[in-house]
PDB file of all heavy atoms in Angstrom:
ATOM      1  N   ALA A   1     102.907  82.475 120.410  1.00  0.00           N
ATOM      2  CA  ALA A   1     102.552  83.902 120.543  1.00  0.00           C
ATOM      3  C   ALA A   1     102.136  84.547 119.225  1.00  0.00           C
ATOM      4  O   ALA A   1     101.625  85.568 119.150  1.00  0.00           O
ATOM      5  CB  ALA A   1     103.700  84.676 121.177  1.00  0.00           C
ATOM      6  N   GLY A   2     102.321  83.713 118.094  1.00  0.00           N
ATOM      7  CA  GLY A   2     102.117  84.248 116.828  1.00  0.00           C
ATOM      8  C   GLY A   2     103.250  84.146 115.921  1.00  0.00           C
ATOM      9  O   GLY A   2     104.346  84.059 116.259  1.00  0.00           O
ATOM     10  N   LYS A   3     102.942  84.079 114.596  1.00  0.00           N
ATOM     11  CA  LYS A   3     104.047  84.081 113.570  1.00  0.00           C
ATOM     12  C   LYS A   3     104.792  85.252 113.664  1.00  0.00           C
ATOM     13  O   LYS A   3     104.272  86.471 113.742  1.00  0.00           O
ATOM     14  CB  LYS A   3     103.331  83.820 112.156  1.00  0.00           C
ATOM     15  CG  LYS A   3     102.833  82.485 111.912  1.00  0.00           C
ATOM     16  CD  LYS A   3     102.151  82.413 110.541  1.00  0.00           C
ATOM     17  CE  LYS A   3     101.641  81.023 110.187  1.00  0.00           C
ATOM     18  NZ  LYS A   3     102.696  80.078 109.919  1.00  0.00           N
ATOM     19  N   PRO A   4     106.105  85.202 113.502  1.00  0.00           N
ATOM     20  CA  PRO A   4     107.011  86.395 113.544  1.00  0.00           C
ATOM     21  C   PRO A   4     106.627  87.466 112.617  1.00  0.00           C
ATOM     22  O   PRO A   4     106.668  88.668 112.980  1.00  0.00           O
ATOM     23  CB  PRO A   4     108.405  85.798 113.234  1.00  0.00           C
ATOM     24  CG  PRO A   4     108.321  84.361 113.576  1.00  0.00           C
ATOM     25  CD  PRO A   4     106.933  83.915 113.322  1.00  0.00           C
ATOM     26  N   GLU A   5     106.196  87.070 111.352  1.00  0.00           N
ATOM     27  CA  GLU A   5     105.838  88.130 110.406  1.00  0.00           C
ATOM     28  C   GLU A   5     104.600  88.834 110.772  1.00  0.00           C
ATOM     29  O   GLU A   5     104.465  90.068 110.444  1.00  0.00           O
ATOM     30  CB  GLU A   5     105.715  87.496 108.953  1.00  0.00           C
ATOM     31  CG  GLU A   5     104.601  86.380 108.907  1.00  0.00           C
ATOM     32  CD  GLU A   5     105.290  85.008 109.014  1.00  0.00           C
ATOM     33  OE1 GLU A   5     106.086  84.851 109.952  1.00  0.00           O
ATOM     34  OE2 GLU A   5     104.991  84.136 108.162  1.00  0.00           O
ATOM     35  N   LEU A   6     103.596  88.243 111.540  1.00  0.00           N
ATOM     36  CA  LEU A   6     102.425  88.840 111.945  1.00  0.00           C
ATOM     37  C   LEU A   6     102.828  89.720 113.146  1.00  0.00           C
ATOM     38  O   LEU A   6     102.288  90.905 113.281  1.00  0.00           O
ATOM     39  CB  LEU A   6     101.343  87.919 112.331  1.00  0.00           C
ATOM     40  CG  LEU A   6     100.111  88.441 112.845  1.00  0.00           C
ATOM     41  CD1 LEU A   6      99.496  89.625 111.923  1.00  0.00           C
ATOM     42  CD2 LEU A   6      98.928  87.375 113.094  1.00  0.00           C
ATOM     43  N   LEU A   7     103.611  89.263 114.081  1.00  0.00           N
ATOM     44  CA  LEU A   7     103.995  90.093 115.254  1.00  0.00           C
ATOM     45  C   LEU A   7     104.668  91.393 114.690  1.00  0.00           C
ATOM     46  O   LEU A   7     104.352  92.494 115.262  1.00  0.00           O
ATOM     47  CB  LEU A   7     104.935  89.274 116.082  1.00  0.00           C
ATOM     48  CG  LEU A   7     104.299  88.041 116.750  1.00  0.00           C
ATOM     49  CD1 LEU A   7     105.341  87.297 117.461  1.00  0.00           C
ATOM     50  CD2 LEU A   7     103.151  88.442 117.759  1.00  0.00           C
ATOM     51  N   GLU A   8     105.378  91.276 113.711  1.00  0.00           N
ATOM     52  CA  GLU A   8     106.108  92.404 113.105  1.00  0.00           C
ATOM     53  C   GLU A   8     105.166  93.377 112.465  1.00  0.00           C
ATOM     54  O   GLU A   8     105.273  94.616 112.693  1.00  0.00           O
ATOM     55  CB  GLU A   8     107.168  91.995 112.084  1.00  0.00           C
ATOM     56  CG  GLU A   8     108.041  93.002 111.473  1.00  0.00           C
ATOM     57  CD  GLU A   8     109.073  93.513 112.492  1.00  0.00           C
ATOM     58  OE1 GLU A   8     109.566  92.762 113.265  1.00  0.00           O
ATOM     59  OE2 GLU A   8     109.439  94.786 112.417  1.00  0.00           O
ATOM     60  N   ALA A   9     104.121  92.813 111.832  1.00  0.00           N
ATOM     61  CA  ALA A   9     103.200  93.619 111.138  1.00  0.00           C
ATOM     62  C   ALA A   9     102.325  94.478 112.093  1.00  0.00           C
ATOM     63  O   ALA A   9     102.025  95.607 111.921  1.00  0.00           O
ATOM     64  CB  ALA A   9     102.189  92.777 110.190  1.00  0.00           C
ATOM     65  N   ILE A  10     101.956  93.692 113.272  1.00  0.00           N
ATOM     66  CA  ILE A  10     101.128  94.375 114.250  1.00  0.00           C
ATOM     67  C   ILE A  10     101.975  95.510 114.931  1.00  0.00           C
ATOM     68  O   ILE A  10     101.516  96.613 115.179  1.00  0.00           O
ATOM     69  CB  ILE A  10     100.707  93.409 115.369  1.00  0.00           C
ATOM     70  CG1 ILE A  10      99.657  92.488 114.756  1.00  0.00           C
ATOM     71  CG2 ILE A  10     100.149  94.059 116.512  1.00  0.00           C
ATOM     72  CD1 ILE A  10      99.449  91.170 115.620  1.00  0.00           C
ATOM     73  N   SER A  11     103.198  95.230 115.186  1.00  0.00           N
ATOM     74  CA  SER A  11     104.198  96.261 115.756  1.00  0.00           C
ATOM     75  C   SER A  11     104.223  97.453 114.906  1.00  0.00           C
ATOM     76  O   SER A  11     104.106  98.654 115.289  1.00  0.00           O
ATOM     77  CB  SER A  11     105.534  95.686 116.020  1.00  0.00           C
ATOM     78  OG  SER A  11     106.473  96.664 116.472  1.00  0.00           O
ATOM     79  N   ASN A  12     104.475  97.218 113.556  1.00  0.00           N
ATOM     80  CA  ASN A  12     104.485  98.331 112.645  1.00  0.00           C
ATOM     81  C   ASN A  12     103.231  99.166 112.503  1.00  0.00           C
ATOM     82  O   ASN A  12     103.216 100.406 112.438  1.00  0.00           O
ATOM     83  CB  ASN A  12     104.868  97.815 111.255  1.00  0.00           C
ATOM     84  CG  ASN A  12     106.294  97.331 111.135  1.00  0.00           C
ATOM     85  OD1 ASN A  12     107.119  97.649 111.933  1.00  0.00           O
ATOM     86  ND2 ASN A  12     106.524  96.389 110.244  1.00  0.00           N
ATOM     87  N   TYR A  13     102.024  98.418 112.650  1.00  0.00           N
ATOM     88  CA  TYR A  13     100.738  99.107 112.501  1.00  0.00           C
ATOM     89  C   TYR A  13     100.592 100.049 113.728  1.00  0.00           C
ATOM     90  O   TYR A  13     100.100 101.147 113.627  1.00  0.00           O
ATOM     91  CB  TYR A  13      99.613  98.083 112.520  1.00  0.00           C
ATOM     92  CG  TYR A  13      98.374  98.718 112.858  1.00  0.00           C
ATOM     93  CD1 TYR A  13      97.599  99.405 111.899  1.00  0.00           C
ATOM     94  CD2 TYR A  13      97.735  98.398 114.038  1.00  0.00           C
ATOM     95  CE1 TYR A  13      96.374  99.989 112.175  1.00  0.00           C
ATOM     96  CE2 TYR A  13      96.506  98.996 114.414  1.00  0.00           C
ATOM     97  CZ  TYR A  13      95.867  99.721 113.428  1.00  0.00           C
ATOM     98  OH  TYR A  13      94.655 100.337 113.766  1.00  0.00           O
ATOM     99  N   LEU A  14     100.897  99.525 114.926  1.00  0.00           N
ATOM    100  CA  LEU A  14     100.671 100.377 116.147  1.00  0.00           C
ATOM    101  C   LEU A  14     101.730 101.548 116.195  1.00  0.00           C
ATOM    102  O   LEU A  14     101.355 102.638 116.551  1.00  0.00           O
ATOM    103  CB  LEU A  14     100.874  99.479 117.376  1.00  0.00           C
ATOM    104  CG  LEU A  14      99.795  98.335 117.544  1.00  0.00           C
ATOM    105  CD1 LEU A  14     100.191  97.482 118.769  1.00  0.00           C
ATOM    106  CD2 LEU A  14      98.410  99.029 117.805  1.00  0.00           C
ATOM    107  N   ASP A  15     102.905 101.280 115.642  1.00  0.00           N
ATOM    108  CA  ASP A  15     103.889 102.387 115.432  1.00  0.00           C
ATOM    109  C   ASP A  15     103.305 103.510 114.667  1.00  0.00           C
ATOM    110  O   ASP A  15     103.389 104.670 115.002  1.00  0.00           O
ATOM    111  CB  ASP A  15     105.137 101.843 114.866  1.00  0.00           C
ATOM    112  CG  ASP A  15     106.318 102.104 115.729  1.00  0.00           C
ATOM    113  OD1 ASP A  15     106.327 103.091 116.458  1.00  0.00           O
ATOM    114  OD2 ASP A  15     107.306 101.331 115.540  1.00  0.00           O
ATOM    115  N   CYS A  16     102.671 103.086 113.585  1.00  0.00           N
ATOM    116  CA  CYS A  16     102.156 104.141 112.628  1.00  0.00           C
ATOM    117  C   CYS A  16     100.804 104.742 113.107  1.00  0.00           C
ATOM    118  O   CYS A  16     100.626 105.955 112.959  1.00  0.00           O
ATOM    119  CB  CYS A  16     101.849 103.546 111.261  1.00  0.00           C
ATOM    120  SG  CYS A  16     103.387 102.996 110.423  1.00  0.00           S
ATOM    121  N   SER A  17      99.951 103.944 113.767  1.00  0.00           N
ATOM    122  CA  SER A  17      98.559 104.418 114.125  1.00  0.00           C
ATOM    123  C   SER A  17      98.564 105.201 115.318  1.00  0.00           C
ATOM    124  O   SER A  17      97.860 106.214 115.472  1.00  0.00           O
ATOM    125  CB  SER A  17      97.636 103.290 114.110  1.00  0.00           C
ATOM    126  OG  SER A  17      98.009 102.424 115.142  1.00  0.00           O
ATOM    127  N   ILE A  18      99.299 104.792 116.387  1.00  0.00           N
ATOM    128  CA  ILE A  18      99.217 105.476 117.677  1.00  0.00           C
ATOM    129  C   ILE A  18     100.641 105.990 118.143  1.00  0.00           C
ATOM    130  O   ILE A  18     100.752 106.658 119.180  1.00  0.00           O
ATOM    131  CB  ILE A  18      98.567 104.648 118.769  1.00  0.00           C
ATOM    132  CG1 ILE A  18      99.454 103.404 119.057  1.00  0.00           C
ATOM    133  CG2 ILE A  18      97.146 104.293 118.461  1.00  0.00           C
ATOM    134  CD1 ILE A  18      98.946 102.675 120.309  1.00  0.00           C
ATOM    135  N   GLY A  19     101.634 105.712 117.335  1.00  0.00           N
ATOM    136  CA  GLY A  19     102.970 106.237 117.648  1.00  0.00           C
ATOM    137  C   GLY A  19     103.629 105.571 118.908  1.00  0.00           C
ATOM    138  O   GLY A  19     104.538 106.157 119.514  1.00  0.00           O
ATOM    139  N   VAL A  20     103.255 104.408 119.133  1.00  0.00           N
ATOM    140  CA  VAL A  20     103.881 103.593 120.222  1.00  0.00           C
ATOM    141  C   VAL A  20     104.511 102.288 119.727  1.00  0.00           C
ATOM    142  O   VAL A  20     103.847 101.553 118.987  1.00  0.00           O
ATOM    143  CB  VAL A  20     102.808 103.261 121.327  1.00  0.00           C
ATOM    144  CG1 VAL A  20     103.425 102.419 122.479  1.00  0.00           C
ATOM    145  CG2 VAL A  20     102.117 104.533 121.916  1.00  0.00           C
ATOM    146  N   HIS A  21     105.811 102.146 120.173  1.00  0.00           N
ATOM    147  CA  HIS A  21     106.461 100.967 119.685  1.00  0.00           C
ATOM    148  C   HIS A  21     106.464  99.834 120.616  1.00  0.00           C
ATOM    149  O   HIS A  21     106.718  99.970 121.767  1.00  0.00           O
ATOM    150  CB  HIS A  21     107.993 101.264 119.343  1.00  0.00           C
ATOM    151  CG  HIS A  21     108.646 100.051 118.861  1.00  0.00           C
ATOM    152  ND1 HIS A  21     108.497  99.536 117.539  1.00  0.00           N
ATOM    153  CD2 HIS A  21     109.595  99.211 119.392  1.00  0.00           C
ATOM    154  CE1 HIS A  21     109.300  98.436 117.463  1.00  0.00           C
ATOM    155  NE2 HIS A  21     109.926  98.220 118.576  1.00  0.00           N
ATOM    156  N   TYR A  22     105.932  98.676 120.109  1.00  0.00           N
ATOM    157  CA  TYR A  22     105.889  97.453 120.892  1.00  0.00           C
ATOM    158  C   TYR A  22     106.813  96.372 120.222  1.00  0.00           C
ATOM    159  O   TYR A  22     106.713  96.247 118.983  1.00  0.00           O
ATOM    160  CB  TYR A  22     104.507  96.816 120.932  1.00  0.00           C
ATOM    161  CG  TYR A  22     103.524  97.591 121.823  1.00  0.00           C
ATOM    162  CD1 TYR A  22     102.728  98.567 121.336  1.00  0.00           C
ATOM    163  CD2 TYR A  22     103.529  97.365 123.174  1.00  0.00           C
ATOM    164  CE1 TYR A  22     101.797  99.199 122.072  1.00  0.00           C
ATOM    165  CE2 TYR A  22     102.599  98.063 124.028  1.00  0.00           C
ATOM    166  CZ  TYR A  22     101.828  98.998 123.490  1.00  0.00           C
ATOM    167  OH  TYR A  22     100.916  99.671 124.269  1.00  0.00           O
ATOM    168  N   ASP A  23     107.763  95.883 121.020  1.00  0.00           N
ATOM    169  CA  ASP A  23     108.783  94.890 120.524  1.00  0.00           C
ATOM    170  C   ASP A  23     108.052  93.604 120.021  1.00  0.00           C
ATOM    171  O   ASP A  23     107.298  93.004 120.870  1.00  0.00           O
ATOM    172  CB  ASP A  23     109.773  94.532 121.651  1.00  0.00           C
ATOM    173  CG  ASP A  23     110.830  93.607 121.038  1.00  0.00           C
ATOM    174  OD1 ASP A  23     110.723  93.085 119.960  1.00  0.00           O
ATOM    175  OD2 ASP A  23     111.770  93.371 121.866  1.00  0.00           O
ATOM    176  N   PRO A  24     108.071  93.289 118.799  1.00  0.00           N
ATOM    177  CA  PRO A  24     107.377  92.071 118.290  1.00  0.00           C
ATOM    178  C   PRO A  24     107.802  90.794 119.004  1.00  0.00           C
ATOM    179  O   PRO A  24     107.075  89.819 119.020  1.00  0.00           O
ATOM    180  CB  PRO A  24     107.550  92.131 116.808  1.00  0.00           C
ATOM    181  CG  PRO A  24     108.819  92.885 116.655  1.00  0.00           C
ATOM    182  CD  PRO A  24     108.726  93.911 117.685  1.00  0.00           C
ATOM    183  N   LYS A  25     108.980  90.752 119.473  1.00  0.00           N
ATOM    184  CA  LYS A  25     109.572  89.588 120.100  1.00  0.00           C
ATOM    185  C   LYS A  25     109.100  89.332 121.453  1.00  0.00           C
ATOM    186  O   LYS A  25     109.155  88.221 121.927  1.00  0.00           O
ATOM    187  CB  LYS A  25     111.084  89.577 119.961  1.00  0.00           C
ATOM    188  CG  LYS A  25     111.664  89.552 118.572  1.00  0.00           C
ATOM    189  CD  LYS A  25     113.186  89.559 118.561  1.00  0.00           C
ATOM    190  CE  LYS A  25     113.737  89.485 117.155  1.00  0.00           C
ATOM    191  NZ  LYS A  25     115.263  89.521 117.165  1.00  0.00           N
ATOM    192  N   SER A  26     108.615  90.416 122.150  1.00  0.00           N
ATOM    193  CA  SER A  26     108.350  90.239 123.501  1.00  0.00           C
ATOM    194  C   SER A  26     107.146  90.890 124.133  1.00  0.00           C
ATOM    195  O   SER A  26     106.808  90.841 125.221  1.00  0.00           O
ATOM    196  CB  SER A  26     109.536  90.650 124.402  1.00  0.00           C
ATOM    197  OG  SER A  26     109.903  92.061 124.171  1.00  0.00           O
ATOM    198  N   GLU A  27     106.407  91.797 123.215  1.00  0.00           N
ATOM    199  CA  GLU A  27     105.369  92.584 123.802  1.00  0.00           C
ATOM    200  C   GLU A  27     104.037  92.489 123.089  1.00  0.00           C
ATOM    201  O   GLU A  27     103.236  93.312 123.199  1.00  0.00           O
ATOM    202  CB  GLU A  27     105.906  94.115 123.747  1.00  0.00           C
ATOM    203  CG  GLU A  27     107.016  94.386 124.695  1.00  0.00           C
ATOM    204  CD  GLU A  27     107.598  95.726 124.719  1.00  0.00           C
ATOM    205  OE1 GLU A  27     107.471  96.460 123.686  1.00  0.00           O
ATOM    206  OE2 GLU A  27     108.331  96.138 125.721  1.00  0.00           O
ATOM    207  N   ILE A  28     103.959  91.499 122.187  1.00  0.00           N
ATOM    208  CA  ILE A  28     102.693  91.261 121.452  1.00  0.00           C
ATOM    209  C   ILE A  28     102.409  89.852 121.464  1.00  0.00           C
ATOM    210  O   ILE A  28     103.342  88.983 121.456  1.00  0.00           O
ATOM    211  CB  ILE A  28     102.885  91.754 119.977  1.00  0.00           C
ATOM    212  CG1 ILE A  28     103.202  93.331 119.880  1.00  0.00           C
ATOM    213  CG2 ILE A  28     101.657  91.509 119.073  1.00  0.00           C
ATOM    214  CD1 ILE A  28     103.547  93.766 118.522  1.00  0.00           C
TER     215      ILE A  28
END
């Protein structure tokens, strides 16, 4: 599903850009 550090980075980006939190462990 992707490297953990990238999943975390994507989650943080979406949190900041659209204000929606996606769990990096199960939703990306």
